[in-house]
All heavy atoms as atom14 arrays in JSON, in Angstrom:
{
  "sequence": "WTTGMRAKFLPRVELRWEHRRAGGRSEAGLSYRLHDFLRVELVRDSSE",
  "atom14_mask": [
    [1, 1, 1, 1, 1, 1, 1, 1, 1, 1, 1, 1, 1, 1],
    [1, 1, 1, 1, 1, 1, 1, 0, 0, 0, 0, 0, 0, 0],
    [1, 1, 1, 1, 1, 1, 1, 0, 0, 0, 0, 0, 0, 0],
    [1, 1, 1, 1, 0, 0, 0, 0, 0, 0, 0, 0, 0, 0],
    [1, 1, 1, 1, 1, 1, 1, 1, 0, 0, 0, 0, 0, 0],
    [1, 1, 1, 1, 1, 1, 1, 1, 1, 1, 1, 0, 0, 0],
    [1, 1, 1, 1, 1, 0, 0, 0, 0, 0, 0, 0, 0, 0],
    [1, 1, 1, 1, 1, 1, 1, 1, 1, 0, 0, 0, 0, 0],
    [1, 1, 1, 1, 1, 1, 1, 1, 1, 1, 1, 0, 0, 0],
    [1, 1, 1, 1, 1, 1, 1, 1, 0, 0, 0, 0, 0, 0],
    [1, 1, 1, 1, 1, 1, 1, 0, 0, 0, 0, 0, 0, 0],
    [1, 1, 1, 1, 1, 1, 1, 1, 1, 1, 1, 0, 0, 0],
    [1, 1, 1, 1, 1, 1, 1, 0, 0, 0, 0, 0, 0, 0],
    [1, 1, 1, 1, 1, 1, 1, 1, 1, 0, 0, 0, 0, 0],
    [1, 1, 1, 1, 1, 1, 1, 1, 0, 0, 0, 0, 0, 0],
    [1, 1, 1, 1, 1, 1, 1, 1, 1, 1, 1, 0, 0, 0],
    [1, 1, 1, 1, 1, 1, 1, 1, 1, 1, 1, 1, 1, 1],
    [1, 1, 1, 1, 1, 1, 1, 1, 1, 0, 0, 0, 0, 0],
    [1, 1, 1, 1, 1, 1, 1, 1, 1, 1, 0, 0, 0, 0],
    [1, 1, 1, 1, 1, 1, 1, 1, 1, 1, 1, 0, 0, 0],
    [1, 1, 1, 1, 1, 1, 1, 1, 1, 1, 1, 0, 0, 0],
    [1, 1, 1, 1, 1, 0, 0, 0, 0, 0, 0, 0, 0, 0],
    [1, 1, 1, 1, 0, 0, 0, 0, 0, 0, 0, 0, 0, 0],
    [1, 1, 1, 1, 0, 0, 0, 0, 0, 0, 0, 0, 0, 0],
    [1, 1, 1, 1, 1, 1, 1, 1, 1, 1, 1, 0, 0, 0],
    [1, 1, 1, 1, 1, 1, 0, 0, 0, 0, 0, 0, 0, 0],
    [1, 1, 1, 1, 1, 1, 1, 1, 1, 0, 0, 0, 0, 0],
    [1, 1, 1, 1, 1, 0, 0, 0, 0, 0, 0, 0, 0, 0],
    [1, 1, 1, 1, 0, 0, 0, 0, 0, 0, 0, 0, 0, 0],
    [1, 1, 1, 1, 1, 1, 1, 1, 0, 0, 0, 0, 0, 0],
    [1, 1, 1, 1, 1, 1, 0, 0, 0, 0, 0, 0, 0, 0],
    [1, 1, 1, 1, 1, 1, 1, 1, 1, 1, 1, 1, 0, 0],
    [1, 1, 1, 1, 1, 1, 1, 1, 1, 1, 1, 0, 0, 0],
    [1, 1, 1, 1, 1, 1, 1, 1, 0, 0, 0, 0, 0, 0],
    [1, 1, 1, 1, 1, 1, 1, 1, 1, 1, 0, 0, 0, 0],
    [1, 1, 1, 1, 1, 1, 1, 1, 0, 0, 0, 0, 0, 0],
    [1, 1, 1, 1, 1, 1, 1, 1, 1, 1, 1, 0, 0, 0],
    [1, 1, 1, 1, 1, 1, 1, 1, 0, 0, 0, 0, 0, 0],
    [1, 1, 1, 1, 1, 1, 1, 1, 1, 1, 1, 0, 0, 0],
    [1, 1, 1, 1, 1, 1, 1, 0, 0, 0, 0, 0, 0, 0],
    [1, 1, 1, 1, 1, 1, 1, 1, 1, 0, 0, 0, 0, 0],
    [1, 1, 1, 1, 1, 1, 1, 1, 0, 0, 0, 0, 0, 0],
    [1, 1, 1, 1, 1, 1, 1, 0, 0, 0, 0, 0, 0, 0],
    [1, 1, 1, 1, 1, 1, 1, 1, 1, 1, 1, 0, 0, 0],
    [1, 1, 1, 1, 1, 1, 1, 1, 0, 0, 0, 0, 0, 0],
    [1, 1, 1, 1, 1, 1, 0, 0, 0, 0, 0, 0, 0, 0],
    [1, 1, 1, 1, 1, 1, 0, 0, 0, 0, 0, 0, 0, 0],
    [1, 1, 1, 1, 1, 1, 1, 1, 1, 0, 0, 0, 0, 0]
  ],
  "atom14_positions": [
    [[0.83, -1.2, 0.0], [0.0, 0.0, 0.0], [0.87, 1.25, 0.0], [1.91, 1.3, 0.64], [-0.91, 0.03, 1.23], [-1.97, -1.03, 1.23], [-1.9, -2.26, 1.8], [-3.25, -0.94, 0.61], [-3.06, -2.96, 1.59], [-3.92, -2.19, 0.86], [-3.92, 0.03, -0.12], [-5.2, -2.45, 0.41], [-5.2, -0.22, -0.58], [-5.83, -1.44, -0.32]],
    [[0.38, 2.28, -0.73], [1.01, 3.59, -0.71], [-0.06, 4.64, -0.42], [-1.12, 4.64, -1.05], [1.69, 3.92, -2.05], [2.7, 2.96, -2.32], [2.31, 5.31, -2.03], [0.0, 0.0, 0.0], [0.0, 0.0, 0.0], [0.0, 0.0, 0.0], [0.0, 0.0, 0.0], [0.0, 0.0, 0.0], [0.0, 0.0, 0.0], [0.0, 0.0, 0.0]],
    [[0.2, 5.51, 0.52], [-0.69, 6.64, 0.8], [0.01, 7.91, 0.39], [1.25, 7.98, 0.38], [-1.06, 6.71, 2.29], [0.15, 6.78, 3.07], [-1.85, 5.48, 2.71], [0.0, 0.0, 0.0], [0.0, 0.0, 0.0], [0.0, 0.0, 0.0], [0.0, 0.0, 0.0], [0.0, 0.0, 0.0], [0.0, 0.0, 0.0], [0.0, 0.0, 0.0]],
    [[-0.76, 8.92, 0.06], [-0.14, 10.16, -0.38], [-1.1, 11.32, -0.4], [-2.32, 11.16, -0.3], [0.0, 0.0, 0.0], [0.0, 0.0, 0.0], [0.0, 0.0, 0.0], [0.0, 0.0, 0.0], [0.0, 0.0, 0.0], [0.0, 0.0, 0.0], [0.0, 0.0, 0.0], [0.0, 0.0, 0.0], [0.0, 0.0, 0.0], [0.0, 0.0, 0.0]],
    [[-0.52, 12.51, -0.54], [-1.28, 13.75, -0.66], [-0.57, 14.65, -1.66], [0.64, 14.54, -1.85], [-1.4, 14.46, 0.69], [-2.08, 13.65, 1.78], [-2.41, 14.61, 3.28], [-3.81, 15.59, 2.71], [0.0, 0.0, 0.0], [0.0, 0.0, 0.0], [0.0, 0.0, 0.0], [0.0, 0.0, 0.0], [0.0, 0.0, 0.0], [0.0, 0.0, 0.0]],
    [[-1.35, 15.5, -2.29], [-0.76, 16.51, -3.17], [-1.55, 17.8, -3.04], [-2.77, 17.77, -2.8], [-0.7, 16.05, -4.63], [-2.04, 15.75, -5.26], [-1.86, 15.14, -6.65], [-3.16, 14.88, -7.28], [-3.77, 15.72, -8.11], [-3.19, 16.87, -8.43], [-4.93, 15.4, -8.65], [0.0, 0.0, 0.0], [0.0, 0.0, 0.0], [0.0, 0.0, 0.0]],
    [[-0.86, 18.9, -3.19], [-1.5, 20.21, -3.05], [-1.04, 21.1, -4.19], [0.16, 21.17, -4.49], [-1.13, 20.84, -1.7], [0.0, 0.0, 0.0], [0.0, 0.0, 0.0], [0.0, 0.0, 0.0], [0.0, 0.0, 0.0], [0.0, 0.0, 0.0], [0.0, 0.0, 0.0], [0.0, 0.0, 0.0], [0.0, 0.0, 0.0], [0.0, 0.0, 0.0]],
    [[-1.99, 21.78, -4.82], [-1.69, 22.72, -5.9], [-1.9, 24.13, -5.38], [-3.0, 24.67, -5.4], [-2.59, 22.45, -7.11], [-2.38, 21.08, -7.74], [-3.06, 20.97, -9.09], [-2.36, 21.82, -10.13], [-2.86, 21.59, -11.5], [0.0, 0.0, 0.0], [0.0, 0.0, 0.0], [0.0, 0.0, 0.0], [0.0, 0.0, 0.0], [0.0, 0.0, 0.0]],
    [[-0.82, 24.73, -4.84], [-0.91, 26.06, -4.27], [-1.12, 27.12, -5.35], [-1.85, 28.1, -5.15], [0.37, 26.38, -3.49], [0.63, 25.42, -2.36], [1.69, 24.53, -2.42], [-0.18, 25.4, -1.25], [1.94, 23.66, -1.37], [0.05, 24.53, -0.2], [1.11, 23.65, -0.26], [0.0, 0.0, 0.0], [0.0, 0.0, 0.0], [0.0, 0.0, 0.0]],
    [[-0.47, 26.92, -6.48], [-0.52, 27.85, -7.6], [-0.76, 27.04, -8.87], [-0.51, 25.83, -8.89], [0.79, 28.64, -7.71], [1.13, 29.55, -6.51], [2.57, 30.05, -6.63], [0.16, 30.72, -6.41], [0.0, 0.0, 0.0], [0.0, 0.0, 0.0], [0.0, 0.0, 0.0], [0.0, 0.0, 0.0], [0.0, 0.0, 0.0], [0.0, 0.0, 0.0]],
    [[-1.23, 27.67, -9.95], [-1.5, 26.92, -11.18], [-0.31, 26.11, -11.68], [-0.48, 25.04, -12.26], [-1.9, 28.01, -12.17], [-2.46, 29.11, -11.33], [-1.65, 29.08, -10.07], [0.0, 0.0, 0.0], [0.0, 0.0, 0.0], [0.0, 0.0, 0.0], [0.0, 0.0, 0.0], [0.0, 0.0, 0.0], [0.0, 0.0, 0.0], [0.0, 0.0, 0.0]],
    [[0.92, 26.59, -11.47], [2.11, 25.9, -11.99], [2.89, 25.14, -10.92], [3.86, 24.47, -11.23], [3.04, 26.91, -12.68], [2.48, 27.49, -13.97], [3.46, 28.46, -14.59], [2.98, 28.96, -15.88], [3.27, 28.4, -17.04], [4.06, 27.33, -17.08], [2.81, 28.89, -18.16], [0.0, 0.0, 0.0], [0.0, 0.0, 0.0], [0.0, 0.0, 0.0]],
    [[2.5, 25.27, -9.66], [3.28, 24.69, -8.56], [2.46, 23.61, -7.86], [1.28, 23.8, -7.57], [3.68, 25.77, -7.54], [4.48, 25.14, -6.4], [4.5, 26.86, -8.22], [0.0, 0.0, 0.0], [0.0, 0.0, 0.0], [0.0, 0.0, 0.0], [0.0, 0.0, 0.0], [0.0, 0.0, 0.0], [0.0, 0.0, 0.0], [0.0, 0.0, 0.0]],
    [[3.11, 22.46, -7.61], [2.44, 21.36, -6.9], [3.4, 20.74, -5.9], [4.58, 20.51, -6.2], [1.94, 20.3, -7.89], [1.21, 19.14, -7.22], [0.58, 18.19, -8.22], [-0.28, 18.65, -9.0], [0.97, 17.01, -8.23], [0.0, 0.0, 0.0], [0.0, 0.0, 0.0], [0.0, 0.0, 0.0], [0.0, 0.0, 0.0], [0.0, 0.0, 0.0]],
    [[2.89, 20.44, -4.71], [3.64, 19.77, -3.66], [3.0, 18.41, -3.42], [1.78, 18.3, -3.3], [3.62, 20.59, -2.38], [4.32, 19.98, -1.15], [5.82, 19.87, -1.38], [4.02, 20.8, 0.09], [0.0, 0.0, 0.0], [0.0, 0.0, 0.0], [0.0, 0.0, 0.0], [0.0, 0.0, 0.0], [0.0, 0.0, 0.0], [0.0, 0.0, 0.0]],
    [[3.82, 17.34, -3.37], [3.28, 16.0, -3.13], [4.09, 15.3, -2.05], [5.28, 15.59, -1.83], [3.29, 15.17, -4.42], [4.67, 14.79, -4.91], [4.65, 13.84, -6.1], [6.0, 13.52, -6.52], [6.73, 12.53, -6.02], [6.21, 11.75, -5.07], [7.95, 12.3, -6.44], [0.0, 0.0, 0.0], [0.0, 0.0, 0.0], [0.0, 0.0, 0.0]],
    [[3.42, 14.34, -1.38], [4.06, 13.5, -0.38], [3.48, 12.1, -0.49], [2.25, 11.94, -0.64], [3.83, 14.05, 1.02], [4.29, 13.13, 2.11], [5.55, 13.02, 2.63], [3.48, 12.17, 2.82], [5.59, 12.05, 3.6], [4.33, 11.51, 3.75], [2.14, 11.8, 2.76], [3.88, 10.52, 4.6], [1.68, 10.8, 3.61], [2.54, 10.18, 4.52]],
    [[4.35, 11.07, -0.45], [3.91, 9.68, -0.54], [4.63, 8.85, 0.51], [5.82, 9.08, 0.8], [4.18, 9.1, -1.93], [3.39, 9.74, -3.04], [3.67, 9.12, -4.4], [4.56, 8.24, -4.46], [3.02, 9.51, -5.38], [0.0, 0.0, 0.0], [0.0, 0.0, 0.0], [0.0, 0.0, 0.0], [0.0, 0.0, 0.0], [0.0, 0.0, 0.0]],
    [[3.93, 7.86, 1.04], [4.53, 6.94, 2.01], [4.18, 5.51, 1.61], [3.01, 5.17, 1.45], [4.01, 7.22, 3.42], [4.53, 6.25, 4.45], [5.83, 6.32, 4.94], [3.95, 5.17, 5.04], [6.01, 5.35, 5.81], [4.9, 4.62, 5.89], [0.0, 0.0, 0.0], [0.0, 0.0, 0.0], [0.0, 0.0, 0.0], [0.0, 0.0, 0.0]],
    [[5.2, 4.71, 1.41], [5.03, 3.31, 1.04], [5.21, 2.45, 2.29], [6.22, 2.57, 3.0], [6.04, 2.9, -0.03], [5.71, 1.61, -0.75], [6.67, 1.39, -1.91], [6.31, 0.22, -2.68], [5.52, 0.23, -3.76], [4.99, 1.38, -4.14], [5.26, -0.88, -4.41], [0.0, 0.0, 0.0], [0.0, 0.0, 0.0], [0.0, 0.0, 0.0]],
    [[4.22, 1.6, 2.56], [4.22, 0.84, 3.81], [5.43, -0.07, 3.91], [6.07, -0.16, 4.96], [2.93, 0.03, 3.93], [2.75, -0.6, 5.31], [1.47, -1.38, 5.39], [1.48, -2.53, 4.48], [0.52, -3.45, 4.44], [-0.54, -3.32, 5.23], [0.6, -4.46, 3.6], [0.0, 0.0, 0.0], [0.0, 0.0, 0.0], [0.0, 0.0, 0.0]],
    [[5.77, -0.76, 2.83], [6.93, -1.67, 2.85], [8.2, -0.86, 3.04], [8.54, 0.0, 2.23], [7.01, -2.46, 1.55], [0.0, 0.0, 0.0], [0.0, 0.0, 0.0], [0.0, 0.0, 0.0], [0.0, 0.0, 0.0], [0.0, 0.0, 0.0], [0.0, 0.0, 0.0], [0.0, 0.0, 0.0], [0.0, 0.0, 0.0], [0.0, 0.0, 0.0]],
    [[8.92, -1.14, 4.11], [10.15, -0.43, 4.39], [9.96, 0.94, 5.0], [10.93, 1.63, 5.31], [0.0, 0.0, 0.0], [0.0, 0.0, 0.0], [0.0, 0.0, 0.0], [0.0, 0.0, 0.0], [0.0, 0.0, 0.0], [0.0, 0.0, 0.0], [0.0, 0.0, 0.0], [0.0, 0.0, 0.0], [0.0, 0.0, 0.0], [0.0, 0.0, 0.0]],
    [[8.72, 1.39, 5.14], [8.46, 2.69, 5.73], [9.07, 3.84, 4.96], [9.49, 4.85, 5.53], [0.0, 0.0, 0.0], [0.0, 0.0, 0.0], [0.0, 0.0, 0.0], [0.0, 0.0, 0.0], [0.0, 0.0, 0.0], [0.0, 0.0, 0.0], [0.0, 0.0, 0.0], [0.0, 0.0, 0.0], [0.0, 0.0, 0.0], [0.0, 0.0, 0.0]],
    [[9.14, 3.72, 3.62], [9.82, 4.72, 2.8], [8.87, 5.86, 2.43], [7.75, 5.62, 1.96], [10.35, 4.07, 1.53], [11.07, 5.01, 0.57], [11.65, 4.23, -0.59], [12.25, 5.12, -1.57], [11.58, 5.64, -2.59], [10.3, 5.33, -2.76], [12.17, 6.43, -3.46], [0.0, 0.0, 0.0], [0.0, 0.0, 0.0], [0.0, 0.0, 0.0]],
    [[9.3, 7.08, 2.64], [8.52, 8.27, 2.29], [9.25, 9.09, 1.24], [10.49, 9.06, 1.16], [8.25, 9.14, 3.52], [7.45, 8.46, 4.47], [0.0, 0.0, 0.0], [0.0, 0.0, 0.0], [0.0, 0.0, 0.0], [0.0, 0.0, 0.0], [0.0, 0.0, 0.0], [0.0, 0.0, 0.0], [0.0, 0.0, 0.0], [0.0, 0.0, 0.0]],
    [[8.51, 9.82, 0.45], [9.09, 10.65, -0.61], [8.26, 11.91, -0.76], [7.03, 11.87, -0.74], [9.12, 9.87, -1.93], [9.73, 10.62, -3.1], [9.74, 9.78, -4.37], [10.53, 8.8, -4.42], [8.97, 10.1, -5.31], [0.0, 0.0, 0.0], [0.0, 0.0, 0.0], [0.0, 0.0, 0.0], [0.0, 0.0, 0.0], [0.0, 0.0, 0.0]],
    [[8.93, 13.04, -0.92], [8.26, 14.33, -1.11], [8.81, 14.99, -2.37], [9.98, 14.8, -2.73], [8.46, 15.24, 0.1], [0.0, 0.0, 0.0], [0.0, 0.0, 0.0], [0.0, 0.0, 0.0], [0.0, 0.0, 0.0], [0.0, 0.0, 0.0], [0.0, 0.0, 0.0], [0.0, 0.0, 0.0], [0.0, 0.0, 0.0], [0.0, 0.0, 0.0]],
    [[7.96, 15.77, -3.04], [8.38, 16.43, -4.26], [7.71, 17.78, -4.41], [6.53, 17.95, -4.07], [0.0, 0.0, 0.0], [0.0, 0.0, 0.0], [0.0, 0.0, 0.0], [0.0, 0.0, 0.0], [0.0, 0.0, 0.0], [0.0, 0.0, 0.0], [0.0, 0.0, 0.0], [0.0, 0.0, 0.0], [0.0, 0.0, 0.0], [0.0, 0.0, 0.0]],
    [[8.46, 18.74, -4.92], [7.94, 20.07, -5.23], [8.19, 20.31, -6.71], [9.34, 20.35, -7.15], [8.64, 21.15, -4.4], [8.22, 22.59, -4.67], [6.75, 22.82, -4.32], [9.12, 23.57, -3.9], [0.0, 0.0, 0.0], [0.0, 0.0, 0.0], [0.0, 0.0, 0.0], [0.0, 0.0, 0.0], [0.0, 0.0, 0.0], [0.0, 0.0, 0.0]],
    [[7.11, 20.45, -7.49], [7.26, 20.55, -8.94], [6.79, 21.91, -9.44], [5.94, 22.57, -8.83], [6.46, 19.44, -9.64], [5.08, 19.6, -9.44], [0.0, 0.0, 0.0], [0.0, 0.0, 0.0], [0.0, 0.0, 0.0], [0.0, 0.0, 0.0], [0.0, 0.0, 0.0], [0.0, 0.0, 0.0], [0.0, 0.0, 0.0], [0.0, 0.0, 0.0]],
    [[7.37, 22.3, -10.57], [7.0, 23.55, -11.25], [6.81, 23.25, -12.73], [7.66, 22.61, -13.35], [8.09, 24.61, -11.07], [7.77, 25.92, -11.76], [6.89, 26.82, -11.19], [8.34, 26.24, -12.99], [6.57, 28.02, -11.82], [8.04, 27.44, -13.63], [7.15, 28.32, -13.03], [6.85, 29.49, -13.67], [0.0, 0.0, 0.0], [0.0, 0.0, 0.0]],
    [[5.68, 23.69, -13.27], [5.39, 23.44, -14.68], [6.04, 24.51, -15.54], [5.65, 25.68, -15.51], [3.88, 23.41, -14.9], [3.48, 23.06, -16.34], [1.98, 22.87, -16.47], [1.53, 21.67, -15.77], [1.61, 20.45, -16.25], [2.17, 20.24, -17.44], [1.17, 19.43, -15.56], [0.0, 0.0, 0.0], [0.0, 0.0, 0.0], [0.0, 0.0, 0.0]],
    [[7.06, 24.11, -16.29], [7.74, 25.04, -17.19], [6.92, 25.3, -18.44], [6.98, 26.38, -19.03], [9.11, 24.48, -17.58], [10.09, 24.23, -16.44], [11.3, 23.47, -16.96], [10.5, 25.54, -15.79], [0.0, 0.0, 0.0], [0.0, 0.0, 0.0], [0.0, 0.0, 0.0], [0.0, 0.0, 0.0], [0.0, 0.0, 0.0], [0.0, 0.0, 0.0]],
    [[6.17, 24.28, -18.86], [5.43, 24.3, -20.12], [4.31, 23.29, -20.0], [4.31, 22.46, -19.09], [6.39, 23.95, -21.28], [5.78, 24.07, -22.64], [5.12, 23.03, -23.26], [5.71, 25.12, -23.5], [4.68, 23.43, -24.44], [5.03, 24.69, -24.61], [0.0, 0.0, 0.0], [0.0, 0.0, 0.0], [0.0, 0.0, 0.0], [0.0, 0.0, 0.0]],
    [[3.33, 23.37, -20.88], [2.24, 22.4, -20.83], [2.74, 20.97, -20.97], [2.07, 20.03, -20.55], [1.21, 22.7, -21.93], [0.34, 23.88, -21.58], [-0.07, 23.98, -20.4], [0.05, 24.71, -22.45], [0.0, 0.0, 0.0], [0.0, 0.0, 0.0], [0.0, 0.0, 0.0], [0.0, 0.0, 0.0], [0.0, 0.0, 0.0], [0.0, 0.0, 0.0]],
    [[3.91, 20.79, -21.57], [4.44, 19.45, -21.79], [5.61, 19.09, -20.88], [6.14, 18.0, -20.98], [4.9, 19.29, -23.25], [3.8, 19.44, -24.25], [3.82, 20.47, -25.17], [2.73, 18.56, -24.26], [2.79, 20.61, -26.1], [1.71, 18.69, -25.18], [1.74, 19.72, -26.1], [0.0, 0.0, 0.0], [0.0, 0.0, 0.0], [0.0, 0.0, 0.0]],
    [[6.04, 19.99, -20.01], [7.25, 19.72, -19.22], [7.15, 20.32, -17.83], [6.79, 21.48, -17.65], [8.48, 20.31, -19.94], [9.83, 20.07, -19.25], [10.15, 18.58, -19.19], [10.94, 20.83, -19.98], [0.0, 0.0, 0.0], [0.0, 0.0, 0.0], [0.0, 0.0, 0.0], [0.0, 0.0, 0.0], [0.0, 0.0, 0.0], [0.0, 0.0, 0.0]],
    [[7.48, 19.47, -16.83], [7.58, 19.9, -15.44], [8.97, 19.55, -14.9], [9.6, 18.6, -15.37], [6.53, 19.21, -14.57], [5.11, 19.66, -14.8], [4.15, 18.87, -13.93], [3.99, 17.5, -14.41], [3.71, 16.47, -13.62], [3.62, 16.63, -12.29], [3.56, 15.26, -14.13], [0.0, 0.0, 0.0], [0.0, 0.0, 0.0], [0.0, 0.0, 0.0]],
    [[9.41, 20.29, -13.92], [10.65, 19.97, -13.22], [10.3, 19.83, -11.74], [9.53, 20.62, -11.19], [11.74, 21.05, -13.44], [11.28, 22.41, -12.95], [13.04, 20.65, -12.78], [0.0, 0.0, 0.0], [0.0, 0.0, 0.0], [0.0, 0.0, 0.0], [0.0, 0.0, 0.0], [0.0, 0.0, 0.0], [0.0, 0.0, 0.0], [0.0, 0.0, 0.0]],
    [[10.84, 18.77, -11.09], [10.47, 18.48, -9.72], [11.72, 18.23, -8.87], [12.63, 17.5, -9.29], [9.56, 17.25, -9.66], [9.06, 16.92, -8.25], [8.15, 15.71, -8.23], [8.5, 14.68, -8.85], [7.07, 15.8, -7.59], [0.0, 0.0, 0.0], [0.0, 0.0, 0.0], [0.0, 0.0, 0.0], [0.0, 0.0, 0.0], [0.0, 0.0, 0.0]],
    [[11.75, 18.85, -7.7], [12.77, 18.57, -6.7], [12.22, 17.48, -5.79], [11.17, 17.66, -5.16], [13.1, 19.82, -5.9], [13.72, 20.99, -6.68], [13.87, 22.21, -5.78], [15.07, 20.58, -7.26], [0.0, 0.0, 0.0], [0.0, 0.0, 0.0], [0.0, 0.0, 0.0], [0.0, 0.0, 0.0], [0.0, 0.0, 0.0], [0.0, 0.0, 0.0]],
    [[12.92, 16.34, -5.72], [12.44, 15.17, -4.97], [13.38, 14.9, -3.81], [14.61, 15.01, -3.93], [12.35, 13.93, -5.89], [11.7, 12.77, -5.14], [11.57, 14.25, -7.16], [0.0, 0.0, 0.0], [0.0, 0.0, 0.0], [0.0, 0.0, 0.0], [0.0, 0.0, 0.0], [0.0, 0.0, 0.0], [0.0, 0.0, 0.0], [0.0, 0.0, 0.0]],
    [[12.78, 14.49, -2.69], [13.57, 14.16, -1.5], [12.95, 12.96, -0.8], [11.73, 12.9, -0.62], [13.59, 15.36, -0.54], [14.38, 15.12, 0.75], [15.86, 15.19, 0.5], [16.63, 14.67, 1.64], [17.95, 14.67, 1.71], [18.64, 15.17, 0.7], [18.57, 14.16, 2.75], [0.0, 0.0, 0.0], [0.0, 0.0, 0.0], [0.0, 0.0, 0.0]],
    [[13.8, 11.98, -0.45], [13.35, 10.9, 0.42], [14.22, 10.89, 1.68], [14.96, 11.85, 1.93], [13.34, 9.55, -0.31], [14.73, 9.1, -0.75], [15.73, 9.69, -0.28], [14.81, 8.15, -1.55], [0.0, 0.0, 0.0], [0.0, 0.0, 0.0], [0.0, 0.0, 0.0], [0.0, 0.0, 0.0], [0.0, 0.0, 0.0], [0.0, 0.0, 0.0]],
    [[14.17, 9.82, 2.45], [14.88, 9.81, 3.72], [16.4, 9.77, 3.57], [17.12, 10.07, 4.52], [14.43, 8.6, 4.55], [14.65, 7.39, 3.82], [0.0, 0.0, 0.0], [0.0, 0.0, 0.0], [0.0, 0.0, 0.0], [0.0, 0.0, 0.0], [0.0, 0.0, 0.0], [0.0, 0.0, 0.0], [0.0, 0.0, 0.0], [0.0, 0.0, 0.0]],
    [[16.89, 9.42, 2.37], [18.33, 9.26, 2.21], [18.99, 10.26, 1.28], [20.18, 10.55, 1.41], [18.65, 7.84, 1.71], [18.02, 7.6, 0.45], [0.0, 0.0, 0.0], [0.0, 0.0, 0.0], [0.0, 0.0, 0.0], [0.0, 0.0, 0.0], [0.0, 0.0, 0.0], [0.0, 0.0, 0.0], [0.0, 0.0, 0.0], [0.0, 0.0, 0.0]],
    [[18.26, 10.82, 0.32], [18.9, 11.71, -0.65], [17.86, 12.57, -1.35], [16.65, 12.38, -1.22], [19.67, 10.89, -1.69], [18.8, 9.96, -2.52], [19.56, 9.27, -3.63], [20.49, 9.87, -4.18], [19.2, 8.13, -3.96], [0.0, 0.0, 0.0], [0.0, 0.0, 0.0], [0.0, 0.0, 0.0], [0.0, 0.0, 0.0], [0.0, 0.0, 0.0]]
  ]
}
């Protein structure tokens, strides 16, 4: 199982968080839409 949330603060900005039960691994990402076809996201988990 994976649980998660995402929030769209601005039309081009989205924040997400996910937690995978196996191994207790969590991951967060902050993305920005550069273009209708391209986004760039900064991702962080517990190790890197």
